[in-house]
Amino acid sequence: MYKTSQLALTDEDIALIKKRSNLPLWIIGISCLVFDAMFLLFIDDKISLILMAICIFDLMMSIPILILYRRGKKDVDAGYKLFIHGEIDKKELKSTGKTTTPYLFFGGEKIIVSYREYKSVEAGDKVEITFTAHTKYAINFRKL
């Protein structure tokens, strides 16, 4: 059994959401710059082919940057966060090969939490979680 409600996003929540979505952007952006520099500094043949390879690589890397930016912006633009109070139905680790994402389930609600939070609870425990409206990332977590 669980109960959900909507709460307004605070400035701290907005800062946390932006921080979470900006970190991958910085990592991808810096890797693009390193790749570009390697091509320009270490390859001397045919500058037009080098520039074309750089442009194609940067264009390909702009797609995940755009997706990550829009996901974070969608949560901030919503202007609210969701609050859930109740008993955990089940917990699950989903592996996609390179990464493992911890989930907690409350009825039909599936929420992404940190691994530390995942390990601190079991099915049947009562918790309070505040999470983003669209990406379902936990902002605040408290075991009762």
Protein backbone atom coordinates (compact mmCIF):
# COMPACT_ATOMS: atom_id res chain seq x y z
CA MET A 1 0.00 0.00 0.00
CA TYR A 2 1.33 3.41 -0.91
CA LYS A 3 0.25 7.02 -1.31
CA THR A 4 1.56 9.54 -3.86
CA SER A 5 1.29 13.31 -4.07
CA GLN A 6 2.79 16.20 -6.01
CA LEU A 7 5.07 18.82 -4.44
CA ALA A 8 6.61 21.95 -5.95
CA LEU A 9 10.29 21.74 -6.92
CA THR A 10 12.61 23.71 -4.65
CA ASP A 11 15.76 25.50 -5.79
CA GLU A 12 17.81 22.68 -4.23
CA ASP A 13 15.86 20.09 -6.23
CA ILE A 14 16.39 22.02 -9.46
CA ALA A 15 20.13 22.31 -8.75
CA LEU A 16 20.34 18.54 -8.12
CA ILE A 17 18.45 17.69 -11.32
CA LYS A 18 20.69 20.01 -13.36
CA LYS A 19 23.81 18.56 -11.72
CA ARG A 20 22.72 15.01 -12.58
CA SER A 21 22.00 15.89 -16.19
CA ASN A 22 25.07 18.12 -16.68
CA LEU A 23 27.72 15.61 -15.56
CA PRO A 24 27.29 13.27 -18.56
CA LEU A 25 27.21 16.34 -20.84
CA TRP A 26 30.60 17.45 -19.56
CA ILE A 27 32.07 13.96 -19.92
CA ILE A 28 30.84 13.60 -23.51
CA GLY A 29 31.90 17.15 -24.39
CA ILE A 30 35.42 16.71 -23.03
CA SER A 31 35.81 13.37 -24.79
CA CYS A 32 34.82 15.08 -28.07
CA LEU A 33 37.46 17.75 -27.54
CA VAL A 34 40.13 15.14 -26.78
CA PHE A 35 39.17 13.16 -29.88
CA ASP A 36 39.27 16.32 -32.01
CA ALA A 37 42.68 17.30 -30.64
CA MET A 38 44.10 13.82 -31.26
CA PHE A 39 42.99 13.94 -34.89
CA LEU A 40 44.37 17.42 -35.47
CA LEU A 41 47.69 16.87 -33.71
CA PHE A 42 48.65 13.33 -34.65
CA ILE A 43 47.34 12.80 -38.17
CA ASP A 44 49.06 14.75 -40.97
CA ASP A 45 47.39 13.30 -44.05
CA LYS A 46 44.58 14.98 -45.94
CA ILE A 47 43.18 17.67 -43.70
CA SER A 48 39.74 17.59 -45.39
CA LEU A 49 39.21 13.93 -44.43
CA ILE A 50 40.32 14.67 -40.88
CA LEU A 51 37.92 17.58 -40.56
CA MET A 52 35.11 15.48 -42.00
CA ALA A 53 35.81 12.68 -39.48
CA ILE A 54 35.81 15.25 -36.65
CA CYS A 55 32.50 16.72 -37.78
CA ILE A 56 30.86 13.31 -38.10
CA PHE A 57 32.09 12.22 -34.66
CA ASP A 58 30.96 15.47 -33.03
CA LEU A 59 27.57 15.22 -34.72
CA MET A 60 27.12 11.64 -33.47
CA MET A 61 28.06 12.67 -29.93
CA SER A 62 25.63 15.59 -30.00
CA ILE A 63 22.69 13.15 -30.10
CA PRO A 64 23.20 11.74 -26.55
CA ILE A 65 24.01 15.25 -25.32
CA LEU A 66 20.68 16.50 -26.67
CA ILE A 67 18.76 13.56 -25.21
CA LEU A 68 20.31 14.01 -21.75
CA TYR A 69 19.72 17.76 -21.81
CA ARG A 70 16.06 17.35 -22.77
CA ARG A 71 15.43 14.74 -20.05
CA GLY A 72 16.77 17.05 -17.33
CA LYS A 73 14.96 20.06 -18.79
CA LYS A 74 11.68 18.15 -18.90
CA ASP A 75 11.91 17.44 -15.16
CA VAL A 76 12.74 21.06 -14.33
CA ASP A 77 10.05 22.46 -16.65
CA ALA A 78 7.42 20.24 -15.03
CA GLY A 79 7.84 22.35 -11.88
CA TYR A 80 6.87 19.55 -9.54
CA LYS A 81 8.23 16.41 -7.97
CA LEU A 82 6.37 13.34 -6.81
CA PHE A 83 6.29 12.12 -3.24
CA ILE A 84 5.56 8.51 -2.42
CA HIS A 85 4.98 7.10 1.04
CA GLY A 86 4.45 3.41 1.48
CA GLU A 87 5.63 -0.14 1.49
CA ILE A 88 8.05 -1.49 -1.11
CA ASP A 89 6.44 -4.27 -3.16
CA LYS A 90 9.70 -5.48 -4.66
CA LYS A 91 13.19 -4.36 -5.58
CA GLU A 92 15.14 -5.23 -8.68
CA LEU A 93 18.56 -4.69 -10.27
CA LYS A 94 18.35 -4.37 -14.07
CA SER A 95 21.54 -4.94 -15.97
CA THR A 96 22.09 -3.58 -19.47
CA GLY A 97 25.54 -5.05 -19.91
CA LYS A 98 27.79 -2.22 -18.79
CA THR A 99 25.52 -0.63 -16.18
CA THR A 100 23.19 -1.90 -13.50
CA THR A 101 20.21 0.22 -12.43
CA PRO A 102 18.51 -0.34 -9.05
CA TYR A 103 14.71 -0.03 -8.99
CA LEU A 104 12.11 -0.03 -6.21
CA PHE A 105 8.50 -0.90 -7.04
CA PHE A 106 5.36 0.46 -5.37
CA GLY A 107 2.32 -1.05 -7.06
CA GLY A 108 2.63 0.25 -10.63
CA GLU A 109 5.32 2.83 -9.80
CA LYS A 110 8.95 2.02 -10.69
CA ILE A 111 11.54 4.37 -9.17
CA ILE A 112 15.30 4.57 -9.82
CA VAL A 113 17.32 4.90 -6.60
CA SER A 114 21.02 4.90 -5.76
CA TYR A 115 22.71 1.59 -5.09
CA ARG A 116 23.27 2.60 -1.46
CA GLU A 117 19.54 3.26 -1.00
CA TYR A 118 18.71 0.01 -2.80
CA LYS A 119 20.90 -2.01 -0.43
CA SER A 120 19.44 -0.30 2.67
CA VAL A 121 15.89 -1.61 2.15
CA GLU A 122 14.04 -4.86 1.57
CA ALA A 123 10.63 -5.66 0.10
CA GLY A 124 8.02 -4.85 2.72
CA ASP A 125 9.96 -1.91 4.25
CA LYS A 126 8.19 1.44 4.55
CA VAL A 127 9.89 4.42 2.93
CA GLU A 128 9.31 7.99 1.82
CA ILE A 129 10.79 8.94 -1.53
CA THR A 130 10.68 12.20 -3.43
CA PHE A 131 11.46 11.72 -7.13
CA THR A 132 11.44 13.58 -10.42
CA ALA A 133 8.22 13.64 -12.41
CA HIS A 134 9.44 12.26 -15.73
CA THR A 135 12.73 10.40 -15.27
CA LYS A 136 11.68 8.90 -11.91
CA TYR A 137 15.07 9.54 -10.25
CA ALA A 138 14.99 9.72 -6.46
CA ILE A 139 15.74 13.17 -5.05
CA ASN A 140 15.20 12.39 -1.36
CA PHE A 141 14.99 8.99 0.27
CA ARG A 142 14.07 8.09 3.84
CA LYS A 143 13.48 4.68 5.37
CA LEU A 144 10.77 4.67 8.06
